Amino acid sequence: MSSSINDPLIGVINEGTNTATFVVFSATTGEEVCHHGVKITQLVPREGWLEQDPAELLAAVREGMAVVGEELRRRGRDPRRDIAAIGVTNQRETTVLWDAATGEPLYNAIVWSDIRTDSTVDHVLARVPDNDKNALMELSGLPISPYFSALKIRWLIDNVYAVQKAIRRKTCLFGTVDSWLIWNLTGGKNGGIHVTDVTNASRTLLMNITTLQWDPVLCRYLQVPQHILPEIRSSSEIYGYVQEEPFEGVPISGILGNQQSSLVGQQCLKEGQAKNTYRAGCFLIYNTGYNRVLSSHGLVTTVAYKMGKNARPVYALEGSIAVAGAAVKWLKNNLNLLNHVSELEDMASQVQTTGDVYFVPAFSGLYAPYWRKDARGILCGLTQFTTKGHIIRACLEAVCFQTRDILEAMNKDCGIPLEKLQVDGKMTKNNLLMQLQADICGIPVERSNVSDVTSLGVAMVAGQAEGVNVWKAHWKESTPQVPSEIFEPKTTLEERDLRYTKWKMAVQRSLGWATTKKSVAMTDERFRLLASIPASWFLIVSFGMLVLSKELVS
């Protein structure tokens, strides 16, 4: 079915790590009508740090909206009349602090993969029993890790004077990228709406995974003032209206973190369905329905979506892989093994196996299910016969083995092995990678043929929101699903288990390489005792000492 000139349209802001795109879909057919993307500058002030300019993120979104608006007019459509609603999907955990009075960012956005907060993590761990990184999981669903927004907020408060000053003045606002964009597009300092949705809030380490509200205990442990936080709303409702051309007056009615949006776009709407997105990192999400499954095997509990103010939240287990496509760029840019990323599949296909070479790309530690910030990347099993083809193929297999790590953990947590894995993302264009994934995991891999599943997901959510109600394309648990292609496993159980055992050996060899000295907060028992005393007590004692000293002087 093709879209017509009279179909209602849904606009989508897809603000990813590398690109900001504005996409338009037909609400009748689900087909993409047009889009425009803008590359985002990656700022690396120090090793392990990654920042972006919030003003550039906003400008990129506005450029996309302007170009698409002009294209719609060229096609005889009215952007303000024909766009029924706009949805927002975004890179998660990336942290922005700005001043409500001026509308200006107080510092660059700290990107989700940034690891500067290692020492901040130590200070937080010093305040919890037994320095247990899982101490807050029952409340938040998340481990204490540099990955999540709260630690980035804490670093900004500790290190940026402008942030400290704005907090004292009560003008500091925090948001993940969705909040920053929506606040600006709905008026900014002149009445902008300060909101986020449950999926993004569930990635901050500050939201109670049960109540879906900011939790005072979490805020106290992490020393984040609640007044800077946005209002938490459902994933599908009208939050406010765009206040600028070319879409002035159009409601913003959907918000999903990008991985949750991909889950919806893949139509993994039943309990027991899962998808994996292959980009710079990998993100595997398993729908657990209305059940909050707290992992005991290294995964995190997150909100998959909440389809309306009064809807019940749907939960998921998630495993995040820090390095997937980023490892391919490393082979190209750092080792010069590739002239262009497009050569990857051909060069990996020149050899039939990796020659027993294993590559663990733990450049900044390992995420799920290990959560080891002391891990570092290794290549092992090299011989005099190893070629660059073997190393490149080992890079592809590393992505697949890390995915199996997460699937193994999900099987243990849920007790039900996954029957198939639905996949999307730029790396899935590589047929060899998809076949290797099926062979290593032993289950069919179903590749979506929709070019932008992530944008499609939030378009569906925005289009079915109360007060919009125009989405008529594939939705809910009905068929047909989005178009796909299936890769069946071709290896035996013995073959894949033998290779997986060697992968686990390689992972063990990657652990403990980053032996940085623990902070005073982690090693000094006196500091740990002091950290448990409320700050107000110190103020009282300080004031008493000041009075006593004046009396002694007089």
Protein backbone atom coordinates (compact mmCIF):
# COMPACT_ATOMS: atom_id res chain seq x y z
CA MET A 1 0.00 0.00 0.00
CA SER A 2 1.42 3.39 -0.96
CA SER A 3 0.70 6.65 0.84
CA SER A 4 -1.56 9.28 -0.70
CA ILE A 5 -1.58 13.07 -0.71
CA ASN A 6 -4.35 13.07 1.90
CA ASP A 7 -2.76 10.71 4.45
CA PRO A 8 -2.17 12.21 7.90
CA LEU A 9 1.54 12.40 8.66
CA ILE A 10 3.64 11.87 11.79
CA GLY A 11 6.94 13.69 12.27
CA VAL A 12 9.79 12.17 14.27
CA ILE A 13 12.85 13.77 15.84
CA ASN A 14 15.48 11.03 16.05
CA GLU A 15 18.45 12.47 17.92
CA GLY A 16 21.10 9.74 18.02
CA THR A 17 24.72 9.70 19.11
CA ASN A 18 26.10 10.51 15.67
CA THR A 19 23.19 11.99 13.72
CA ALA A 20 20.07 14.08 14.32
CA THR A 21 17.31 13.26 11.83
CA PHE A 22 13.81 14.53 11.21
CA VAL A 23 11.63 11.87 9.58
CA VAL A 24 8.05 11.92 8.32
CA PHE A 25 5.86 8.79 8.12
CA SER A 26 2.43 8.17 6.66
CA ALA A 27 0.08 7.34 9.55
CA THR A 28 -1.98 5.21 7.16
CA THR A 29 0.69 2.95 5.69
CA GLY A 30 3.68 3.40 8.02
CA GLU A 31 5.86 4.24 5.02
CA GLU A 32 8.59 6.85 5.28
CA VAL A 33 7.72 9.97 3.28
CA CYS A 34 10.93 11.99 3.62
CA HIS A 35 13.77 12.74 6.02
CA HIS A 36 16.82 14.90 6.57
CA GLY A 37 19.79 14.07 8.81
CA VAL A 38 22.64 16.17 10.21
CA LYS A 39 25.92 14.80 11.59
CA ILE A 40 26.76 15.61 15.21
CA THR A 41 30.28 16.65 16.22
CA GLN A 42 31.90 14.34 18.78
CA LEU A 43 34.09 16.20 21.28
CA VAL A 44 36.86 14.26 23.05
CA PRO A 45 38.61 16.65 25.48
CA ARG A 46 40.40 13.77 27.25
CA GLU A 47 40.81 10.02 26.87
CA GLY A 48 37.59 8.31 27.94
CA TRP A 49 35.56 11.54 27.78
CA LEU A 50 32.90 12.17 25.13
CA GLU A 51 30.87 15.37 24.88
CA GLN A 52 28.50 17.11 22.49
CA ASP A 53 27.42 20.74 22.23
CA PRO A 54 23.72 20.94 23.29
CA ALA A 55 23.29 24.02 21.09
CA GLU A 56 24.53 22.00 18.10
CA LEU A 57 22.08 19.18 18.90
CA LEU A 58 19.21 21.67 18.90
CA ALA A 59 20.44 23.41 15.74
CA ALA A 60 20.72 20.05 13.95
CA VAL A 61 17.13 19.18 14.85
CA ARG A 62 15.91 22.59 13.70
CA GLU A 63 17.78 22.21 10.40
CA GLY A 64 16.17 18.81 9.84
CA MET A 65 12.72 20.24 10.57
CA ALA A 66 13.27 23.20 8.24
CA VAL A 67 14.53 21.07 5.32
CA VAL A 68 11.72 18.53 5.69
CA GLY A 69 9.14 21.32 6.03
CA GLU A 70 10.34 22.78 2.74
CA GLU A 71 10.21 19.34 1.08
CA LEU A 72 6.62 18.84 2.25
CA ARG A 73 5.63 22.21 0.77
CA ARG A 74 7.31 21.23 -2.50
CA ARG A 75 5.07 18.14 -2.54
CA GLY A 76 1.97 20.21 -1.96
CA ARG A 77 1.63 19.45 1.77
CA ASP A 78 1.16 21.98 4.57
CA PRO A 79 3.58 21.18 7.45
CA ARG A 80 1.39 22.78 10.12
CA ARG A 81 -1.86 21.23 8.89
CA ASP A 82 -0.76 17.80 7.62
CA ILE A 83 1.64 16.78 10.42
CA ALA A 84 -0.78 15.41 13.02
CA ALA A 85 1.87 15.00 15.75
CA ILE A 86 5.58 14.75 16.43
CA GLY A 87 7.42 12.06 18.38
CA VAL A 88 10.89 12.28 19.92
CA THR A 89 13.38 9.44 20.25
CA ASN A 90 16.88 10.03 21.53
CA GLN A 91 20.22 8.74 22.69
CA ARG A 92 19.65 7.75 26.30
CA GLU A 93 21.65 8.61 29.45
CA THR A 94 23.37 11.53 27.70
CA THR A 95 23.12 14.37 30.20
CA VAL A 96 22.39 18.06 29.66
CA LEU A 97 22.22 20.78 32.33
CA TRP A 98 21.00 24.25 31.36
CA ASP A 99 19.86 27.54 32.89
CA ALA A 100 16.10 28.10 32.81
CA ALA A 101 16.52 31.88 32.97
CA THR A 102 18.91 32.26 30.02
CA GLY A 103 18.13 29.08 28.11
CA GLU A 104 21.87 28.46 27.74
CA PRO A 105 23.63 25.13 28.44
CA LEU A 106 25.77 25.19 31.58
CA TYR A 107 28.25 22.70 30.10
CA ASN A 108 28.53 20.38 27.12
CA ALA A 109 26.30 17.31 27.08
CA ILE A 110 28.10 14.33 28.62
CA VAL A 111 27.45 11.39 26.27
CA TRP A 112 26.22 8.01 27.50
CA SER A 113 29.52 6.19 26.80
CA ASP A 114 31.69 8.76 28.65
CA ILE A 115 33.61 7.16 31.57
CA ARG A 116 34.95 10.22 33.42
CA THR A 117 32.79 9.42 36.46
CA ASP A 118 34.82 6.45 37.72
CA SER A 119 35.90 8.36 40.84
CA THR A 120 32.35 9.65 41.31
CA VAL A 121 31.19 6.02 41.32
CA ASP A 122 33.71 5.27 44.08
CA HIS A 123 32.29 8.09 46.22
CA VAL A 124 28.76 6.74 45.75
CA LEU A 125 29.82 3.16 46.49
CA ALA A 126 31.42 4.38 49.72
CA ARG A 127 27.94 5.37 50.89
CA VAL A 128 26.25 2.00 50.28
CA PRO A 129 26.59 -1.24 52.27
CA ASP A 130 29.62 -3.37 51.33
CA ASN A 131 30.43 -1.04 48.39
CA ASP A 132 27.91 -3.14 46.45
CA LYS A 133 27.31 -1.81 42.92
CA ASN A 134 23.90 -3.53 42.94
CA ALA A 135 22.76 -1.93 46.21
CA LEU A 136 20.25 0.36 44.47
CA MET A 137 18.90 -2.17 41.95
CA GLU A 138 15.75 -3.00 43.90
CA LEU A 139 14.75 0.66 43.73
CA SER A 140 16.10 1.64 40.33
CA GLY A 141 16.64 -1.58 38.40
CA LEU A 142 20.19 -0.40 37.63
CA PRO A 143 23.70 -0.97 38.98
CA ILE A 144 25.82 1.96 40.14
CA SER A 145 27.81 2.62 36.96
CA PRO A 146 29.33 5.56 35.03
CA TYR A 147 26.86 4.67 32.25
CA PHE A 148 23.79 6.23 33.88
CA SER A 149 22.80 9.90 34.03
CA ALA A 150 22.87 10.44 37.81
CA LEU A 151 26.64 9.96 37.99
CA LYS A 152 27.13 12.44 35.14
CA ILE A 153 24.91 14.99 36.95
CA ARG A 154 26.94 14.49 40.12
CA TRP A 155 30.20 15.08 38.24
CA LEU A 156 28.84 18.31 36.75
CA ILE A 157 27.72 19.53 40.17
CA ASP A 158 31.13 18.74 41.66
CA ASN A 159 33.24 20.21 38.86
CA VAL A 160 31.39 23.02 37.04
CA TYR A 161 31.00 26.34 38.87
CA ALA A 162 28.21 27.52 36.55
CA VAL A 163 26.17 24.47 37.54
CA GLN A 164 26.73 25.10 41.25
CA LYS A 165 25.69 28.72 40.84
CA ALA A 166 22.53 27.84 38.89
CA ILE A 167 21.51 25.25 41.49
CA ARG A 168 21.86 27.85 44.26
CA ARG A 169 19.68 30.22 42.23
CA LYS A 170 17.16 27.43 41.51
CA THR A 171 17.52 28.01 37.76
CA CYS A 172 19.36 24.78 36.88
CA LEU A 173 17.43 22.22 34.83
CA PHE A 174 18.49 18.66 34.00
CA GLY A 175 17.36 16.59 31.09
CA THR A 176 18.29 13.74 28.86
CA VAL A 177 18.34 14.88 25.24
CA ASP A 178 14.56 14.51 24.83
CA SER A 179 13.95 16.98 27.67
CA TRP A 180 16.42 19.53 26.29
CA LEU A 181 14.86 19.44 22.82
CA ILE A 182 11.23 19.53 23.96
CA TRP A 183 11.87 22.38 26.43
CA ASN A 184 13.34 24.47 23.61
CA LEU A 185 10.79 23.57 20.93
CA THR A 186 7.85 24.33 23.23
CA GLY A 187 9.03 27.82 24.16
CA GLY A 188 12.33 27.52 26.00
CA LYS A 189 12.81 30.23 28.61
CA ASN A 190 9.39 31.59 27.63
CA GLY A 191 7.31 28.75 29.02
CA GLY A 192 9.00 25.63 27.65
CA ILE A 193 7.70 22.29 28.94
CA HIS A 194 10.21 20.48 31.19
CA VAL A 195 9.28 16.80 30.82
CA THR A 196 10.69 13.37 30.07
CA ASP A 197 9.08 9.97 29.69
CA VAL A 198 9.35 6.81 31.78
CA THR A 199 11.78 5.10 29.38
CA ASN A 200 14.37 7.87 29.56
CA ALA A 201 13.81 8.44 33.29
CA SER A 202 14.42 4.74 33.91
CA ARG A 203 17.98 5.21 32.61
CA THR A 204 19.00 7.91 35.08
CA LEU A 205 19.44 5.82 38.28
CA LEU A 206 17.07 8.30 39.96
CA MET A 207 13.61 6.93 39.08
CA ASN A 208 11.87 4.34 41.26
CA ILE A 209 11.23 1.43 38.90
CA THR A 210 7.96 0.62 40.69
CA THR A 211 6.35 4.03 41.28
CA LEU A 212 7.80 5.55 38.07
CA GLN A 213 8.58 8.74 39.99
CA TRP A 214 11.81 10.35 41.15
CA ASP A 215 12.85 8.52 44.31
CA PRO A 216 13.98 10.59 47.34
CA VAL A 217 16.25 7.79 48.57
CA LEU A 218 18.04 7.52 45.22
CA CYS A 219 18.38 11.30 44.98
CA ARG A 220 19.82 11.44 48.48
CA TYR A 221 22.34 8.64 47.88
CA LEU A 222 23.44 10.22 44.63
CA GLN A 223 23.22 13.77 46.03
CA VAL A 224 21.13 15.12 43.15
CA PRO A 225 18.63 17.91 44.01
CA GLN A 226 15.13 16.91 42.92
CA HIS A 227 14.15 20.43 41.87
CA ILE A 228 16.34 20.21 38.76
CA LEU A 229 14.58 17.09 37.43
CA PRO A 230 11.85 17.11 34.74
CA GLU A 231 8.31 15.84 35.25
CA ILE A 232 8.02 12.15 34.36
CA ARG A 233 5.17 11.39 31.92
CA SER A 234 3.99 8.37 29.92
CA SER A 235 5.48 7.54 26.52
CA SER A 236 2.30 8.45 24.62
CA GLU A 237 0.35 11.62 25.42
CA ILE A 238 0.28 15.25 24.33
CA TYR A 239 3.01 17.03 26.33
CA GLY A 240 2.89 20.42 24.61
CA TYR A 241 2.95 22.15 21.24
CA VAL A 242 5.79 23.28 18.98
CA GLN A 243 6.20 27.05 19.15
CA GLU A 244 8.26 27.62 16.02
CA GLU A 245 8.10 27.20 12.26
CA PRO A 246 7.61 25.19 10.17
CA PHE A 247 5.57 23.06 12.59
CA GLU A 248 4.16 25.71 14.92
CA GLY A 249 1.11 24.42 16.78
CA VAL A 250 1.80 20.73 16.12
CA PRO A 251 1.52 18.58 19.29
CA ILE A 252 4.48 16.60 20.61
CA SER A 253 2.80 13.36 21.67
CA GLY A 254 5.39 10.60 21.92
CA ILE A 255 8.73 10.11 23.69
CA LEU A 256 10.82 6.93 23.76
CA GLY A 257 14.49 6.30 24.42
CA ASN A 258 16.00 5.09 21.16
CA GLN A 259 16.36 1.44 22.16
CA GLN A 260 12.81 1.24 23.48
CA SER A 261 11.63 2.91 20.28
CA SER A 262 13.40 0.22 18.29
CA LEU A 263 11.65 -2.43 20.40
CA VAL A 264 8.27 -0.92 19.51
CA GLY A 265 9.23 -0.44 15.85
CA GLN A 266 10.19 -4.13 15.68
CA GLN A 267 6.75 -4.92 17.15
CA CYS A 268 8.25 -6.78 20.10
CA LEU A 269 5.07 -6.03 22.02
CA LYS A 270 4.51 -9.48 23.54
CA GLU A 271 6.19 -10.82 26.66
CA GLY A 272 9.15 -12.99 25.63
CA GLN A 273 10.04 -11.09 22.44
CA ALA A 274 13.43 -9.41 22.09
CA LYS A 275 15.40 -7.25 19.69
CA ASN A 276 19.04 -6.32 19.30
CA THR A 277 20.21 -3.06 17.72
CA TYR A 278 23.71 -3.04 16.18
CA ARG A 279 25.34 0.37 16.00
CA ALA A 280 28.39 1.87 17.70
CA GLY A 281 27.28 -0.25 20.65
CA CYS A 282 24.74 -3.07 20.87
CA PHE A 283 21.51 -2.95 22.85
CA LEU A 284 19.47 -6.09 23.47
CA ILE A 285 16.03 -5.61 25.06
CA TYR A 286 13.74 -8.46 26.16
CA ASN A 287 10.06 -7.66 26.78
CA THR A 288 8.99 -8.99 30.22
CA GLY A 289 5.43 -7.65 30.02
CA TYR A 290 3.97 -6.20 33.21
CA ASN A 291 6.56 -8.08 35.31
CA ARG A 292 9.54 -6.27 36.79
CA VAL A 293 12.26 -8.89 36.57
CA LEU A 294 15.25 -7.96 38.72
CA SER A 295 18.27 -9.59 37.16
CA SER A 296 20.70 -11.64 39.19
CA HIS A 297 22.93 -12.21 36.16
CA GLY A 298 24.19 -8.75 35.22
CA LEU A 299 21.28 -7.27 33.25
CA VAL A 300 19.28 -4.15 34.06
CA THR A 301 15.55 -3.69 34.56
CA THR A 302 14.12 -0.89 32.46
CA VAL A 303 10.77 0.44 31.30
CA ALA A 304 9.93 -0.66 27.75
CA TYR A 305 7.02 1.79 27.31
CA LYS A 306 3.87 3.17 28.90
CA MET A 307 1.23 3.80 26.25
CA GLY A 308 -0.78 6.59 27.88
CA LYS A 309 -1.40 8.33 31.18
CA ASN A 310 -3.53 5.52 32.60
CA ALA A 311 -1.86 2.59 30.87
CA ARG A 312 0.10 -0.03 32.79
CA PRO A 313 3.86 0.15 32.22
CA VAL A 314 5.52 -2.63 30.25
CA TYR A 315 8.97 -3.63 31.49
CA ALA A 316 12.05 -5.15 29.91
CA LEU A 317 15.42 -6.64 30.71
CA GLU A 318 18.29 -5.00 28.87
CA GLY A 319 21.88 -5.81 28.15
CA SER A 320 24.10 -3.06 26.72
CA ILE A 321 27.35 -3.66 24.84
CA ALA A 322 29.67 -0.68 24.85
CA VAL A 323 31.63 -1.51 21.69
CA ALA A 324 30.22 -3.06 18.51
CA GLY A 325 30.46 -0.92 15.37
CA ALA A 326 32.99 1.23 17.22
CA ALA A 327 35.41 -1.72 17.06
CA VAL A 328 35.18 -1.71 13.25
CA LYS A 329 36.07 1.99 13.20
CA TRP A 330 39.01 1.19 15.47
CA LEU A 331 40.28 -1.42 13.01
CA LYS A 332 40.00 1.13 10.22
CA ASN A 333 41.25 4.31 11.89
CA ASN A 334 43.78 2.98 14.42
CA LEU A 335 45.17 -0.20 12.82
CA ASN A 336 44.53 0.70 9.15
CA LEU A 337 43.23 -2.81 8.45
CA LEU A 338 40.40 -1.38 6.34
CA ASN A 339 40.37 1.44 3.80
CA HIS A 340 36.62 1.79 4.14
CA VAL A 341 34.01 0.24 6.43
CA SER A 342 32.20 -1.09 3.34
CA GLU A 343 35.10 -3.54 2.83
CA LEU A 344 34.37 -5.26 6.14
CA GLU A 345 32.23 -8.16 4.91
CA ASP A 346 34.41 -8.99 1.90
CA MET A 347 37.63 -9.03 3.93
CA ALA A 348 36.12 -11.11 6.74
CA SER A 349 34.81 -13.57 4.12
CA GLN A 350 38.31 -14.18 2.72
CA VAL A 351 38.91 -16.60 5.61
CA GLN A 352 36.58 -19.42 6.68
CA THR A 353 37.27 -19.03 10.41
CA THR A 354 39.12 -16.67 12.73
CA GLY A 355 42.00 -19.14 12.99
CA ASP A 356 41.23 -19.42 16.72
CA VAL A 357 41.77 -15.66 17.18
CA TYR A 358 39.51 -13.93 19.72
CA PHE A 359 39.07 -10.18 20.12
CA VAL A 360 37.52 -8.65 23.25
CA PRO A 361 36.92 -4.94 22.43
CA ALA A 362 36.71 -3.73 26.02
CA PHE A 363 38.18 -0.32 25.21
CA SER A 364 36.51 1.37 28.17
CA GLY A 365 35.51 -1.65 30.23
CA LEU A 366 32.73 -4.19 29.77
CA TYR A 367 29.02 -3.46 30.18
CA ALA A 368 26.38 -6.18 30.63
CA PRO A 369 26.53 -8.80 31.95
CA TYR A 370 29.98 -8.19 33.48
CA TRP A 371 29.93 -4.49 34.52
CA ARG A 372 33.72 -4.44 34.84
CA LYS A 373 35.21 -1.00 34.37
CA ASP A 374 38.70 -2.52 34.88
CA ALA A 375 38.49 -4.61 31.68
CA ARG A 376 40.49 -3.60 28.61
CA GLY A 377 40.61 -4.82 25.03
CA ILE A 378 42.68 -7.84 24.05
CA LEU A 379 43.52 -9.92 20.97
CA CYS A 380 44.50 -13.48 21.78
CA GLY A 381 45.21 -16.72 19.91
CA LEU A 382 47.56 -15.04 17.40
CA THR A 383 50.01 -17.20 15.44
CA GLN A 384 52.49 -16.59 12.63
CA PHE A 385 49.70 -17.51 10.20
CA THR A 386 47.24 -14.90 11.46
CA THR A 387 46.18 -12.41 8.78
CA LYS A 388 44.18 -9.22 8.92
CA GLY A 389 41.23 -11.22 7.59
CA HIS A 390 41.30 -13.36 10.75
CA ILE A 391 41.38 -10.26 12.97
CA ILE A 392 38.55 -8.58 11.07
CA ARG A 393 36.42 -11.73 11.29
CA ALA A 394 37.22 -11.98 15.02
CA CYS A 395 35.91 -8.42 15.37
CA LEU A 396 32.56 -9.47 13.88
CA GLU A 397 32.44 -12.56 16.07
CA ALA A 398 33.11 -10.42 19.14
CA VAL A 399 29.84 -8.59 18.53
CA CYS A 400 28.05 -11.94 18.27
CA PHE A 401 29.69 -13.44 21.37
CA GLN A 402 28.81 -10.37 23.45
CA THR A 403 25.21 -10.74 22.28
CA ARG A 404 25.25 -14.40 23.34
CA ASP A 405 26.58 -13.34 26.76
CA ILE A 406 23.45 -11.23 27.22
CA LEU A 407 21.10 -13.91 25.87
CA GLU A 408 22.59 -16.47 28.28
CA ALA A 409 21.93 -14.07 31.17
CA MET A 410 18.38 -13.44 29.98
CA ASN A 411 17.70 -17.18 29.79
CA LYS A 412 18.85 -17.57 33.40
CA ASP A 413 16.78 -14.61 34.64
CA CYS A 414 13.59 -15.48 32.75
CA GLY A 415 13.87 -19.25 32.45
CA ILE A 416 12.57 -19.20 28.87
CA PRO A 417 15.12 -19.41 26.02
CA LEU A 418 14.51 -16.96 23.20
CA GLU A 419 13.11 -18.61 20.06
CA LYS A 420 14.37 -15.96 17.63
CA LEU A 421 16.27 -12.68 17.77
CA GLN A 422 14.92 -9.66 15.90
CA VAL A 423 17.63 -7.24 14.82
CA ASP A 424 18.09 -3.78 13.34
CA GLY A 425 20.72 -1.07 13.02
CA LYS A 426 23.36 -0.16 10.47
CA MET A 427 25.57 -3.19 11.11
CA THR A 428 22.76 -5.61 10.22
CA LYS A 429 23.32 -4.87 6.52
CA ASN A 430 26.33 -7.18 6.87
CA ASN A 431 25.05 -10.64 5.88
CA LEU A 432 28.09 -12.41 7.29
CA LEU A 433 27.56 -10.78 10.68
CA MET A 434 23.93 -11.90 10.72
CA GLN A 435 24.86 -15.49 9.81
CA LEU A 436 27.60 -15.54 12.46
CA GLN A 437 25.09 -14.27 15.00
CA ALA A 438 22.67 -17.12 14.20
CA ASP A 439 25.52 -19.66 14.30
CA ILE A 440 26.95 -18.46 17.62
CA CYS A 441 23.59 -18.14 19.41
CA GLY A 442 21.91 -21.16 17.83
CA ILE A 443 18.62 -19.39 17.09
CA PRO A 444 17.18 -17.74 13.97
CA VAL A 445 18.05 -14.08 13.46
CA GLU A 446 15.30 -11.98 11.88
CA ARG A 447 16.52 -8.81 10.19
CA SER A 448 14.09 -5.94 9.69
CA ASN A 449 13.92 -4.57 6.17
CA VAL A 450 12.56 -1.24 7.41
CA SER A 451 15.31 1.36 7.00
CA ASP A 452 14.64 3.22 10.27
CA VAL A 453 12.89 1.01 12.83
CA THR A 454 13.80 3.36 15.68
CA SER A 455 12.00 6.34 14.16
CA LEU A 456 9.07 4.12 13.19
CA GLY A 457 8.58 3.05 16.82
CA VAL A 458 8.06 6.53 18.22
CA ALA A 459 5.96 7.49 15.19
CA MET A 460 3.58 4.67 16.13
CA VAL A 461 3.51 5.85 19.74
CA ALA A 462 2.93 9.52 18.87
CA GLY A 463 0.27 8.72 16.28
CA GLN A 464 -1.88 6.62 18.62
CA ALA A 465 -1.74 9.07 21.57
CA GLU A 466 -5.02 10.25 23.05
CA GLY A 467 -6.08 13.40 21.22
CA VAL A 468 -4.17 12.40 18.07
CA ASN A 469 -5.42 8.88 17.20
CA VAL A 470 -4.40 8.82 13.54
CA TRP A 471 -2.03 5.84 13.34
CA LYS A 472 -3.64 3.14 11.20
CA ALA A 473 -0.60 1.14 10.07
CA HIS A 474 0.83 -1.98 11.77
CA TRP A 475 0.33 -1.75 15.51
CA LYS A 476 -0.21 -3.81 18.65
CA GLU A 477 0.01 -7.59 18.44
CA SER A 478 -1.58 -7.93 15.02
CA THR A 479 0.05 -9.13 11.83
CA PRO A 480 1.59 -8.47 9.43
CA GLN A 481 4.81 -7.61 11.20
CA VAL A 482 7.33 -5.23 9.68
CA PRO A 483 9.05 -6.85 6.64
CA SER A 484 12.04 -9.04 7.54
CA GLU A 485 14.64 -11.58 6.40
CA ILE A 486 15.65 -14.65 8.44
CA PHE A 487 19.11 -16.20 8.97
CA GLU A 488 19.03 -19.80 10.28
CA PRO A 489 21.91 -21.31 12.35
CA LYS A 490 24.17 -23.69 10.41
CA THR A 491 26.53 -24.91 13.16
CA THR A 492 26.15 -27.80 15.58
CA LEU A 493 25.61 -27.34 19.32
CA GLU A 494 29.09 -28.76 20.01
CA GLU A 495 30.79 -26.35 17.61
CA ARG A 496 29.18 -23.21 18.97
CA ASP A 497 29.62 -24.22 22.62
CA LEU A 498 33.33 -24.94 22.08
CA ARG A 499 33.84 -21.52 20.49
CA TYR A 500 31.82 -19.83 23.23
CA THR A 501 33.96 -21.50 25.90
CA LYS A 502 37.08 -20.02 24.32
CA TRP A 503 35.38 -16.62 24.14
CA LYS A 504 34.76 -16.80 27.89
CA MET A 505 38.45 -17.61 28.40
CA ALA A 506 39.36 -14.50 26.40
CA VAL A 507 36.99 -12.36 28.46
CA GLN A 508 38.63 -13.58 31.66
CA ARG A 509 42.01 -12.49 30.32
CA SER A 510 40.66 -8.98 29.64
CA LEU A 511 39.67 -8.37 33.27
CA GLY A 512 41.78 -6.45 35.78
CA TRP A 513 43.97 -4.60 33.25
CA ALA A 514 42.92 -1.10 34.33
CA THR A 515 44.32 -1.27 37.84
CA THR A 516 43.73 2.36 38.75
CA LYS A 517 44.20 3.30 42.37
CA LYS A 518 40.98 3.40 44.33
CA SER A 519 39.86 6.80 45.54
CA VAL A 520 40.17 7.83 49.16
CA ALA A 521 36.41 7.42 49.43
CA MET A 522 36.74 3.68 48.78
CA THR A 523 39.79 2.99 50.97
CA ASP A 524 39.54 5.34 53.94
CA GLU A 525 37.15 4.06 56.61
CA ARG A 526 37.10 7.53 58.18
CA PHE A 527 35.78 9.02 54.95
CA ARG A 528 33.13 6.33 54.68
CA LEU A 529 31.92 7.10 58.19
CA LEU A 530 31.87 10.83 57.48
CA ALA A 531 30.00 10.25 54.22
CA SER A 532 27.17 8.62 56.14
CA ILE A 533 26.62 11.75 58.29
CA PRO A 534 24.03 14.21 56.92
CA ALA A 535 25.50 17.46 55.64
CA SER A 536 23.21 19.43 57.98
CA TRP A 537 25.09 18.02 60.98
CA PHE A 538 28.34 19.49 59.67
CA LEU A 539 26.67 22.91 59.30
CA ILE A 540 25.49 22.79 62.92
CA VAL A 541 28.93 21.77 64.19
CA SER A 542 30.64 24.43 62.05
CA PHE A 543 28.33 27.14 63.36
CA GLY A 544 28.95 26.01 66.95
CA MET A 545 32.71 26.13 66.46
CA LEU A 546 32.43 29.65 65.01
CA VAL A 547 30.43 30.88 68.03
CA LEU A 548 32.89 29.24 70.44
CA SER A 549 35.91 30.78 68.74
CA LYS A 550 34.36 34.29 68.94
CA GLU A 551 33.71 33.80 72.67
CA LEU A 552 37.30 32.70 73.25
CA VAL A 553 38.66 35.71 71.34
CA SER A 554 36.47 38.13 73.32
